[in-house]
């Protein structure tokens, strides 16, 4: 069984509805995806820290600096499935069918959600301090 991570980047529709957005995402959307989408075994959310928001890039000389990320929030869904891509397709199908309770507080226009699936590479298990010490002792 493959373990994968789905990163979903989002924004509230405006600063005025940011609390509503966070309440909906934490209280409705995350639990709903875990319940309705087989293969999603856990979900968590994070906000972009101030340092990341201030980091800018310039593509060509004379271009205005652009933020690295348009979205300020990230949800990470842990997937356990023989076909993680099928889990993502299932999310998209259920969303298009209106199976999720969406919120108008979610920005779907200026910086719409971005979904990125990450599959494991390299070590099959996460490396932690205990694993590093064990490998060094061998």
N, C-alpha and C. Protein backbone atom coordinates (compact mmCIF):
# COMPACT_ATOMS: atom_id res chain seq x y z
N UNK A 1 0.86 -1.18 0.00
CA UNK A 1 0.00 0.00 0.00
C UNK A 1 0.90 1.24 0.00
N UNK A 2 0.69 2.12 -0.94
CA UNK A 2 1.48 3.34 -1.07
C UNK A 2 0.97 4.42 -0.14
N UNK A 3 1.88 5.09 0.51
CA UNK A 3 1.53 6.26 1.31
C UNK A 3 1.98 7.48 0.51
N UNK A 4 1.10 8.45 0.39
CA UNK A 4 1.40 9.67 -0.36
C UNK A 4 0.85 10.86 0.40
N UNK A 5 1.25 12.05 -0.02
CA UNK A 5 0.74 13.29 0.57
C UNK A 5 0.11 14.13 -0.52
N UNK A 6 -1.04 14.69 -0.20
CA UNK A 6 -1.68 15.64 -1.09
C UNK A 6 -1.62 17.00 -0.42
N UNK A 7 -0.97 17.94 -1.09
CA UNK A 7 -0.86 19.31 -0.60
C UNK A 7 -1.89 20.14 -1.34
N UNK A 8 -2.75 20.83 -0.60
CA UNK A 8 -3.76 21.70 -1.20
C UNK A 8 -3.55 23.10 -0.64
N UNK A 9 -3.23 24.04 -1.54
CA UNK A 9 -2.99 25.43 -1.16
C UNK A 9 -4.26 26.24 -1.40
N UNK A 10 -4.65 27.05 -0.41
CA UNK A 10 -5.91 27.81 -0.50
C UNK A 10 -5.77 29.19 0.12
N UNK A 11 -6.78 30.00 -0.11
CA UNK A 11 -6.93 31.33 0.48
C UNK A 11 -8.38 31.55 0.87
N UNK A 12 -8.60 32.43 1.84
CA UNK A 12 -9.96 32.91 2.04
C UNK A 12 -10.31 33.89 0.92
N UNK A 13 -11.59 34.08 0.67
CA UNK A 13 -12.03 34.99 -0.38
C UNK A 13 -11.63 36.44 -0.07
N UNK A 14 -11.53 36.77 1.21
CA UNK A 14 -11.09 38.11 1.63
C UNK A 14 -10.67 38.05 3.09
N UNK A 15 -9.99 39.09 3.53
CA UNK A 15 -9.61 39.17 4.96
C UNK A 15 -10.85 39.22 5.85
N UNK A 16 -11.93 39.80 5.34
CA UNK A 16 -13.16 39.93 6.12
C UNK A 16 -13.79 38.59 6.46
N UNK A 17 -13.55 37.56 5.62
CA UNK A 17 -14.16 36.25 5.87
C UNK A 17 -13.12 35.20 6.29
N UNK A 18 -11.94 35.66 6.71
CA UNK A 18 -10.87 34.72 7.06
C UNK A 18 -11.25 33.81 8.23
N UNK A 19 -11.87 34.34 9.25
CA UNK A 19 -12.29 33.50 10.39
C UNK A 19 -13.34 32.48 9.95
N UNK A 20 -14.29 32.90 9.13
CA UNK A 20 -15.31 31.99 8.60
C UNK A 20 -14.65 30.89 7.76
N UNK A 21 -13.68 31.28 6.93
CA UNK A 21 -12.93 30.33 6.10
C UNK A 21 -12.24 29.28 6.97
N UNK A 22 -11.53 29.73 8.00
CA UNK A 22 -10.81 28.81 8.87
C UNK A 22 -11.76 27.90 9.64
N UNK A 23 -12.86 28.45 10.13
CA UNK A 23 -13.86 27.63 10.84
C UNK A 23 -14.42 26.55 9.92
N UNK A 24 -14.78 26.93 8.68
CA UNK A 24 -15.32 25.96 7.72
C UNK A 24 -14.27 24.90 7.38
N UNK A 25 -13.05 25.33 7.10
CA UNK A 25 -12.02 24.38 6.68
C UNK A 25 -11.75 23.36 7.77
N UNK A 26 -11.57 23.85 9.01
CA UNK A 26 -11.25 22.95 10.13
C UNK A 26 -12.44 22.12 10.59
N UNK A 27 -13.61 22.73 10.65
CA UNK A 27 -14.77 22.06 11.22
C UNK A 27 -15.63 21.29 10.25
N UNK A 28 -15.56 21.63 8.97
CA UNK A 28 -16.42 20.98 7.96
C UNK A 28 -15.58 20.26 6.92
N UNK A 29 -14.72 20.99 6.24
CA UNK A 29 -14.06 20.44 5.05
C UNK A 29 -13.08 19.30 5.35
N UNK A 30 -12.16 19.50 6.29
CA UNK A 30 -11.21 18.42 6.60
C UNK A 30 -11.92 17.14 7.04
N UNK A 31 -12.84 17.23 8.02
CA UNK A 31 -13.51 15.99 8.43
C UNK A 31 -14.32 15.36 7.30
N UNK A 32 -14.92 16.19 6.46
CA UNK A 32 -15.73 15.68 5.35
C UNK A 32 -14.87 14.89 4.35
N UNK A 33 -13.71 15.42 4.00
CA UNK A 33 -12.84 14.70 3.06
C UNK A 33 -12.35 13.38 3.65
N UNK A 34 -11.97 13.39 4.92
CA UNK A 34 -11.51 12.15 5.55
C UNK A 34 -12.63 11.12 5.57
N UNK A 35 -13.85 11.57 5.81
CA UNK A 35 -15.00 10.66 5.88
C UNK A 35 -15.45 10.16 4.51
N UNK A 36 -15.48 11.04 3.52
CA UNK A 36 -16.09 10.70 2.23
C UNK A 36 -15.13 10.16 1.17
N UNK A 37 -13.83 10.31 1.39
CA UNK A 37 -12.87 9.88 0.35
C UNK A 37 -12.03 8.72 0.88
N UNK A 38 -12.31 7.51 0.41
CA UNK A 38 -11.49 6.37 0.82
C UNK A 38 -10.04 6.59 0.40
N UNK A 39 -9.14 6.26 1.29
CA UNK A 39 -7.72 6.45 1.02
C UNK A 39 -7.13 7.62 1.78
N UNK A 40 -7.94 8.61 2.14
CA UNK A 40 -7.43 9.71 2.97
C UNK A 40 -7.53 9.24 4.42
N UNK A 41 -6.37 9.15 5.07
CA UNK A 41 -6.36 8.63 6.43
C UNK A 41 -6.17 9.71 7.49
N UNK A 42 -5.74 10.90 7.09
CA UNK A 42 -5.54 12.00 8.04
C UNK A 42 -5.44 13.30 7.26
N UNK A 43 -5.70 14.40 7.97
CA UNK A 43 -5.61 15.73 7.35
C UNK A 43 -5.18 16.74 8.41
N UNK A 44 -4.40 17.72 7.98
CA UNK A 44 -3.98 18.80 8.88
C UNK A 44 -3.80 20.07 8.06
N UNK A 45 -3.79 21.22 8.77
CA UNK A 45 -3.66 22.51 8.07
C UNK A 45 -2.55 23.35 8.66
N UNK A 46 -2.03 24.23 7.79
CA UNK A 46 -0.95 25.12 8.18
C UNK A 46 -1.14 26.47 7.50
N UNK A 47 -0.58 27.52 8.11
CA UNK A 47 -0.57 28.84 7.49
C UNK A 47 0.84 29.22 7.12
N UNK A 48 1.00 29.96 6.04
CA UNK A 48 2.32 30.42 5.61
C UNK A 48 2.80 31.45 6.62
N UNK A 49 4.05 31.28 7.06
CA UNK A 49 4.55 32.23 8.05
C UNK A 49 4.91 33.55 7.38
N UNK A 50 5.09 34.59 8.18
CA UNK A 50 5.33 35.93 7.65
C UNK A 50 6.59 35.99 6.80
N UNK A 51 7.64 35.29 7.19
CA UNK A 51 8.88 35.33 6.43
C UNK A 51 8.64 34.81 5.01
N UNK A 52 7.89 33.72 4.87
CA UNK A 52 7.61 33.19 3.54
C UNK A 52 6.78 34.16 2.72
N UNK A 53 5.84 34.83 3.35
CA UNK A 53 5.01 35.79 2.62
C UNK A 53 5.83 36.97 2.13
N UNK A 54 6.88 37.33 2.84
CA UNK A 54 7.69 38.48 2.42
C UNK A 54 8.73 38.10 1.38
N UNK A 55 9.01 36.81 1.23
CA UNK A 55 10.02 36.37 0.27
C UNK A 55 9.49 36.61 -1.13
N UNK A 56 10.27 37.29 -1.95
CA UNK A 56 9.85 37.64 -3.30
C UNK A 56 10.82 37.07 -4.31
N UNK A 57 10.34 36.92 -5.52
CA UNK A 57 11.21 36.52 -6.62
C UNK A 57 11.01 37.47 -7.78
N UNK A 58 12.06 37.69 -8.55
CA UNK A 58 11.98 38.49 -9.76
C UNK A 58 12.31 37.57 -10.93
N UNK A 59 11.42 37.50 -11.90
CA UNK A 59 11.62 36.59 -13.02
C UNK A 59 12.61 37.16 -14.05
N UNK A 60 12.48 38.43 -14.37
CA UNK A 60 13.40 39.06 -15.31
C UNK A 60 13.67 40.47 -14.81
N UNK A 61 14.80 40.99 -15.21
CA UNK A 61 15.15 42.35 -14.80
C UNK A 61 14.05 43.30 -15.24
N UNK A 62 13.62 44.14 -14.33
CA UNK A 62 12.56 45.11 -14.64
C UNK A 62 11.18 44.62 -14.23
N UNK A 63 11.01 43.30 -14.02
CA UNK A 63 9.71 42.78 -13.57
C UNK A 63 9.50 43.16 -12.11
N UNK A 64 8.26 43.30 -11.75
CA UNK A 64 7.93 43.54 -10.35
C UNK A 64 8.13 42.25 -9.57
N UNK A 65 8.54 42.36 -8.31
CA UNK A 65 8.66 41.18 -7.46
C UNK A 65 7.29 40.55 -7.26
N UNK A 66 7.26 39.23 -7.24
CA UNK A 66 6.03 38.47 -7.04
C UNK A 66 6.18 37.63 -5.78
N UNK A 67 5.11 37.47 -5.00
CA UNK A 67 5.20 36.56 -3.86
C UNK A 67 5.47 35.14 -4.36
N UNK A 68 6.18 34.37 -3.58
CA UNK A 68 6.45 33.00 -3.98
C UNK A 68 5.16 32.18 -4.08
N UNK A 69 4.22 32.42 -3.20
CA UNK A 69 2.97 31.67 -3.19
C UNK A 69 1.79 32.63 -3.13
N UNK A 70 0.82 32.42 -3.98
CA UNK A 70 -0.38 33.25 -3.93
C UNK A 70 -1.25 32.85 -2.75
N UNK A 71 -1.26 31.55 -2.41
CA UNK A 71 -2.09 31.06 -1.34
C UNK A 71 -1.34 31.13 0.00
N UNK A 72 -2.10 31.38 1.06
CA UNK A 72 -1.51 31.55 2.39
C UNK A 72 -1.77 30.37 3.31
N UNK A 73 -2.61 29.42 2.90
CA UNK A 73 -2.92 28.27 3.74
C UNK A 73 -2.63 26.97 2.99
N UNK A 74 -2.24 25.95 3.74
CA UNK A 74 -1.98 24.64 3.16
C UNK A 74 -2.68 23.57 3.98
N UNK A 75 -3.32 22.65 3.29
CA UNK A 75 -3.86 21.45 3.93
C UNK A 75 -3.04 20.28 3.41
N UNK A 76 -2.68 19.40 4.31
CA UNK A 76 -1.93 18.21 3.93
C UNK A 76 -2.78 17.00 4.26
N UNK A 77 -3.09 16.25 3.21
CA UNK A 77 -3.89 15.04 3.35
C UNK A 77 -2.96 13.85 3.22
N UNK A 78 -2.99 12.95 4.20
CA UNK A 78 -2.21 11.73 4.12
C UNK A 78 -3.06 10.68 3.41
N UNK A 79 -2.47 10.08 2.39
CA UNK A 79 -3.18 9.10 1.58
C UNK A 79 -2.50 7.74 1.74
N UNK A 80 -3.31 6.73 1.91
CA UNK A 80 -2.82 5.36 1.91
C UNK A 80 -3.68 4.59 0.91
N UNK A 81 -3.07 4.24 -0.22
CA UNK A 81 -3.81 3.62 -1.31
C UNK A 81 -2.84 2.97 -2.29
N UNK A 82 -3.31 1.93 -2.98
CA UNK A 82 -2.51 1.35 -4.05
C UNK A 82 -2.43 2.29 -5.25
N UNK A 83 -3.37 3.25 -5.32
CA UNK A 83 -3.42 4.19 -6.44
C UNK A 83 -3.73 5.59 -5.92
N UNK A 84 -2.72 6.31 -5.38
CA UNK A 84 -2.97 7.66 -4.84
C UNK A 84 -3.59 8.62 -5.85
N UNK A 85 -3.24 8.47 -7.14
CA UNK A 85 -3.82 9.35 -8.15
C UNK A 85 -5.33 9.14 -8.25
N UNK A 86 -5.81 7.91 -8.03
CA UNK A 86 -7.25 7.63 -8.05
C UNK A 86 -7.95 8.33 -6.90
N UNK A 87 -7.26 8.47 -5.77
CA UNK A 87 -7.83 9.19 -4.63
C UNK A 87 -8.04 10.66 -4.99
N UNK A 88 -7.04 11.25 -5.66
CA UNK A 88 -7.16 12.65 -6.08
C UNK A 88 -8.28 12.79 -7.12
N UNK A 89 -8.37 11.86 -8.05
CA UNK A 89 -9.47 11.89 -9.03
C UNK A 89 -10.81 11.80 -8.32
N UNK A 90 -10.91 10.96 -7.28
CA UNK A 90 -12.14 10.82 -6.52
C UNK A 90 -12.53 12.15 -5.87
N UNK A 91 -11.56 12.86 -5.34
CA UNK A 91 -11.83 14.18 -4.74
C UNK A 91 -12.40 15.11 -5.81
N UNK A 92 -11.76 15.15 -6.96
CA UNK A 92 -12.21 16.05 -8.04
C UNK A 92 -13.62 15.69 -8.52
N UNK A 93 -13.90 14.40 -8.66
CA UNK A 93 -15.24 13.96 -9.10
C UNK A 93 -16.28 14.35 -8.06
N UNK A 94 -16.01 14.06 -6.80
CA UNK A 94 -16.98 14.38 -5.74
C UNK A 94 -17.18 15.89 -5.63
N UNK A 95 -16.12 16.66 -5.82
CA UNK A 95 -16.26 18.12 -5.79
C UNK A 95 -17.13 18.59 -6.95
N UNK A 96 -16.91 18.04 -8.15
CA UNK A 96 -17.70 18.46 -9.32
C UNK A 96 -19.16 18.04 -9.19
N UNK A 97 -19.42 16.99 -8.44
CA UNK A 97 -20.80 16.53 -8.21
C UNK A 97 -21.47 17.26 -7.05
N UNK A 98 -20.73 18.15 -6.38
CA UNK A 98 -21.30 18.90 -5.26
C UNK A 98 -21.44 18.08 -3.99
N UNK A 99 -20.61 17.05 -3.84
CA UNK A 99 -20.71 16.17 -2.67
C UNK A 99 -20.10 16.78 -1.40
N UNK A 100 -19.30 17.82 -1.55
CA UNK A 100 -18.70 18.48 -0.40
C UNK A 100 -19.44 19.78 -0.12
N UNK A 101 -19.59 20.11 1.16
CA UNK A 101 -20.20 21.39 1.54
C UNK A 101 -19.14 22.47 1.42
N UNK A 102 -19.18 23.20 0.32
CA UNK A 102 -18.20 24.25 0.09
C UNK A 102 -18.66 25.54 0.75
N UNK A 103 -17.74 26.47 0.91
CA UNK A 103 -18.04 27.74 1.56
C UNK A 103 -17.73 28.90 0.62
N UNK A 104 -18.57 29.92 0.61
CA UNK A 104 -18.25 31.11 -0.18
C UNK A 104 -17.04 31.86 0.37
N UNK A 105 -16.58 31.48 1.57
CA UNK A 105 -15.40 32.10 2.15
C UNK A 105 -14.11 31.59 1.51
N UNK A 106 -14.18 30.52 0.72
CA UNK A 106 -13.02 29.99 0.00
C UNK A 106 -12.82 30.79 -1.28
N UNK A 107 -11.59 31.24 -1.52
CA UNK A 107 -11.26 31.95 -2.76
C UNK A 107 -11.16 30.94 -3.89
N UNK A 108 -12.10 31.00 -4.81
CA UNK A 108 -12.08 30.12 -5.97
C UNK A 108 -11.79 30.90 -7.25
N UNK A 109 -11.50 32.21 -7.13
CA UNK A 109 -11.31 33.05 -8.30
C UNK A 109 -9.89 33.59 -8.44
N UNK A 110 -9.48 34.45 -7.51
CA UNK A 110 -8.18 35.13 -7.66
C UNK A 110 -6.99 34.21 -7.43
N UNK A 111 -7.07 33.36 -6.43
CA UNK A 111 -6.01 32.37 -6.15
C UNK A 111 -6.70 31.06 -5.81
N UNK A 112 -7.25 30.40 -6.82
CA UNK A 112 -8.01 29.17 -6.56
C UNK A 112 -7.14 28.08 -5.95
N UNK A 113 -7.76 27.10 -5.29
CA UNK A 113 -6.99 26.03 -4.67
C UNK A 113 -6.08 25.33 -5.69
N UNK A 114 -4.88 25.01 -5.22
CA UNK A 114 -3.92 24.25 -6.02
C UNK A 114 -3.68 22.92 -5.32
N UNK A 115 -3.81 21.82 -6.06
CA UNK A 115 -3.61 20.48 -5.51
C UNK A 115 -2.33 19.88 -6.09
N UNK A 116 -1.47 19.37 -5.21
CA UNK A 116 -0.21 18.78 -5.62
C UNK A 116 -0.05 17.45 -4.89
N UNK A 117 0.08 16.36 -5.66
CA UNK A 117 0.24 15.03 -5.08
C UNK A 117 1.73 14.69 -5.00
N UNK A 118 2.16 14.26 -3.83
CA UNK A 118 3.54 13.85 -3.61
C UNK A 118 3.57 12.36 -3.29
N UNK A 119 4.34 11.60 -4.08
CA UNK A 119 4.53 10.18 -3.83
C UNK A 119 5.92 9.97 -3.25
N UNK A 120 6.09 8.91 -2.45
CA UNK A 120 7.38 8.71 -1.80
C UNK A 120 8.51 8.42 -2.79
N UNK A 121 9.67 8.92 -2.45
CA UNK A 121 10.91 8.62 -3.17
C UNK A 121 11.97 8.32 -2.12
N UNK A 122 12.98 7.57 -2.49
CA UNK A 122 14.05 7.28 -1.53
C UNK A 122 13.61 6.34 -0.45
N UNK A 123 13.94 6.67 0.78
CA UNK A 123 13.66 5.81 1.92
C UNK A 123 12.15 5.57 2.06
N UNK A 124 11.78 4.33 2.30
CA UNK A 124 10.37 3.98 2.45
C UNK A 124 9.81 4.50 3.76
N UNK A 125 10.63 4.59 4.78
CA UNK A 125 10.19 5.06 6.09
C UNK A 125 10.83 6.41 6.39
N UNK A 126 10.14 7.27 7.12
CA UNK A 126 10.75 8.55 7.49
C UNK A 126 12.02 8.33 8.30
N UNK A 127 12.96 9.22 8.14
CA UNK A 127 14.20 9.16 8.90
C UNK A 127 14.07 10.08 10.09
N UNK A 128 14.33 9.54 11.27
CA UNK A 128 14.28 10.34 12.48
C UNK A 128 15.59 10.20 13.23
N UNK A 129 15.68 10.81 14.38
CA UNK A 129 16.92 10.76 15.15
C UNK A 129 17.31 9.33 15.51
N UNK A 130 16.37 8.50 15.91
CA UNK A 130 16.67 7.12 16.28
C UNK A 130 17.20 6.35 15.08
N UNK A 131 16.61 6.55 13.91
CA UNK A 131 17.06 5.85 12.70
C UNK A 131 18.45 6.29 12.31
N UNK A 132 18.76 7.57 12.46
CA UNK A 132 20.09 8.07 12.11
C UNK A 132 21.13 7.48 13.05
N UNK A 133 20.83 7.42 14.36
CA UNK A 133 21.77 6.85 15.32
C UNK A 133 21.99 5.37 15.03
N UNK A 134 20.93 4.64 14.71
CA UNK A 134 21.05 3.22 14.44
C UNK A 134 21.91 2.98 13.19
N UNK A 135 21.70 3.77 12.14
CA UNK A 135 22.47 3.61 10.90
C UNK A 135 23.93 3.97 11.15
N UNK A 136 24.19 4.97 11.96
CA UNK A 136 25.57 5.38 12.24
C UNK A 136 26.31 4.33 13.05
N UNK A 137 25.60 3.61 13.91
CA UNK A 137 26.22 2.59 14.76
C UNK A 137 26.54 1.33 13.96
N UNK A 138 25.87 1.11 12.85
CA UNK A 138 26.06 -0.12 12.06
C UNK A 138 27.36 -0.14 11.31
